[in-house]
């Protein structure tokens, strides 16, 4: 593998590490939030699936409640 691709691979691996790091940091922040303010939004956990009136914390963005059977 030439140097160009070694550097590219290293940068990609660093990006994955940063994603993991920030996901863990976000999880810790959300655990410390008491969710004092919430709002009802359309929530899409994956392409093609949207849940209406999903309760989400306005402070940390954590999904609090997905209403069962309310899919758009």
C-alpha atoms as a PDB file:
ATOM      1  CA  UNK A   1       0.000   0.000   0.000  1.00  0.00           C
ATOM      2  CA  UNK A   2       1.498   3.339  -0.966  1.00  0.00           C
ATOM      3  CA  UNK A   3       1.767   6.315   1.383  1.00  0.00           C
ATOM      4  CA  UNK A   4      -1.291   8.061  -0.065  1.00  0.00           C
ATOM      5  CA  UNK A   5      -3.578   5.184   0.893  1.00  0.00           C
ATOM      6  CA  UNK A   6      -1.876   4.607   4.235  1.00  0.00           C
ATOM      7  CA  UNK A   7      -2.638   8.219   5.150  1.00  0.00           C
ATOM      8  CA  UNK A   8      -6.201   7.904   3.873  1.00  0.00           C
ATOM      9  CA  UNK A   9      -6.752   4.711   5.873  1.00  0.00           C
ATOM     10  CA  UNK A  10      -5.327   6.351   8.994  1.00  0.00           C
ATOM     11  CA  UNK A  11      -7.619   9.351   8.574  1.00  0.00           C
ATOM     12  CA  UNK A  12     -10.661   7.103   8.112  1.00  0.00           C
ATOM     13  CA  UNK A  13      -9.753   5.128  11.239  1.00  0.00           C
ATOM     14  CA  UNK A  14      -9.367   8.390  13.170  1.00  0.00           C
ATOM     15  CA  UNK A  15     -12.837   9.458  12.030  1.00  0.00           C
ATOM     16  CA  UNK A  16     -14.336   6.197  13.315  1.00  0.00           C
ATOM     17  CA  UNK A  17     -12.535   6.682  16.619  1.00  0.00           C
ATOM     18  CA  UNK A  18     -13.912  10.233  16.906  1.00  0.00           C
ATOM     19  CA  UNK A  19     -17.444   9.029  16.134  1.00  0.00           C
ATOM     20  CA  UNK A  20     -17.163   6.430  18.885  1.00  0.00           C
ATOM     21  CA  UNK A  21     -15.696   8.993  21.308  1.00  0.00           C
ATOM     22  CA  UNK A  22     -18.441  11.563  20.698  1.00  0.00           C
ATOM     23  CA  UNK A  23     -21.224   8.957  20.811  1.00  0.00           C
ATOM     24  CA  UNK A  24     -19.971   7.902  24.255  1.00  0.00           C
ATOM     25  CA  UNK A  25     -19.669  11.545  25.359  1.00  0.00           C
ATOM     26  CA  UNK A  26     -23.198  12.296  24.144  1.00  0.00           C
ATOM     27  CA  UNK A  27     -24.506   9.240  26.014  1.00  0.00           C
ATOM     28  CA  UNK A  28     -22.931  10.508  29.262  1.00  0.00           C
ATOM     29  CA  UNK A  29     -24.350  13.999  28.758  1.00  0.00           C
ATOM     30  CA  UNK A  30     -27.818  12.617  28.091  1.00  0.00           C
ATOM     31  CA  UNK A  31     -27.665  10.505  31.259  1.00  0.00           C
ATOM     32  CA  UNK A  32     -26.993  13.663  33.278  1.00  0.00           C
ATOM     33  CA  UNK A  33     -29.979  15.502  31.749  1.00  0.00           C
ATOM     34  CA  UNK A  34     -33.315  15.444  33.600  1.00  0.00           C
ATOM     35  CA  UNK A  35     -35.148  16.341  30.359  1.00  0.00           C
ATOM     36  CA  UNK A  36     -36.833  19.468  31.803  1.00  0.00           C
ATOM     37  CA  UNK A  37     -38.203  20.522  28.424  1.00  0.00           C
ATOM     38  CA  UNK A  38     -39.579  18.225  25.746  1.00  0.00           C
ATOM     39  CA  UNK A  39     -41.208  18.680  22.375  1.00  0.00           C
ATOM     40  CA  UNK A  40     -43.214  16.503  20.006  1.00  0.00           C
ATOM     41  CA  UNK A  41     -41.483  15.913  16.683  1.00  0.00           C
ATOM     42  CA  UNK A  42     -41.510  13.596  13.690  1.00  0.00           C
ATOM     43  CA  UNK A  43     -38.736  11.069  14.425  1.00  0.00           C
ATOM     44  CA  UNK A  44     -37.068   8.935  11.779  1.00  0.00           C
ATOM     45  CA  UNK A  45     -34.901   6.129  13.197  1.00  0.00           C
ATOM     46  CA  UNK A  46     -34.123   4.903   9.664  1.00  0.00           C
ATOM     47  CA  UNK A  47     -34.939   5.736   6.072  1.00  0.00           C
ATOM     48  CA  UNK A  48     -38.593   5.180   5.237  1.00  0.00           C
ATOM     49  CA  UNK A  49     -39.821   5.047   8.829  1.00  0.00           C
ATOM     50  CA  UNK A  50     -41.228   8.161  10.519  1.00  0.00           C
ATOM     51  CA  UNK A  51     -42.981   8.275  13.883  1.00  0.00           C
ATOM     52  CA  UNK A  52     -45.213  11.295  14.466  1.00  0.00           C
ATOM     53  CA  UNK A  53     -45.539  12.995  17.860  1.00  0.00           C
ATOM     54  CA  UNK A  54     -42.385  11.471  19.302  1.00  0.00           C
ATOM     55  CA  UNK A  55     -41.375  13.094  22.589  1.00  0.00           C
ATOM     56  CA  UNK A  56     -37.781  14.360  22.447  1.00  0.00           C
ATOM     57  CA  UNK A  57     -35.810  16.328  25.047  1.00  0.00           C
ATOM     58  CA  UNK A  58     -35.276  19.916  23.871  1.00  0.00           C
ATOM     59  CA  UNK A  59     -32.004  20.126  25.816  1.00  0.00           C
ATOM     60  CA  UNK A  60     -30.070  16.944  24.964  1.00  0.00           C
ATOM     61  CA  UNK A  61     -32.056  15.515  22.046  1.00  0.00           C
ATOM     62  CA  UNK A  62     -32.758  12.142  23.649  1.00  0.00           C
ATOM     63  CA  UNK A  63     -35.882  10.337  22.454  1.00  0.00           C
ATOM     64  CA  UNK A  64     -38.143  10.009  25.493  1.00  0.00           C
ATOM     65  CA  UNK A  65     -41.197   8.282  24.052  1.00  0.00           C
ATOM     66  CA  UNK A  66     -42.137   6.894  20.642  1.00  0.00           C
ATOM     67  CA  UNK A  67     -45.908   6.451  20.449  1.00  0.00           C
ATOM     68  CA  UNK A  68     -46.776   2.899  19.394  1.00  0.00           C
ATOM     69  CA  UNK A  69     -48.755   2.657  16.188  1.00  0.00           C
ATOM     70  CA  UNK A  70     -48.249   6.274  15.128  1.00  0.00           C
ATOM     71  CA  UNK A  71     -46.206   5.777  12.011  1.00  0.00           C
ATOM     72  CA  UNK A  72     -46.487   8.135   9.065  1.00  0.00           C
END
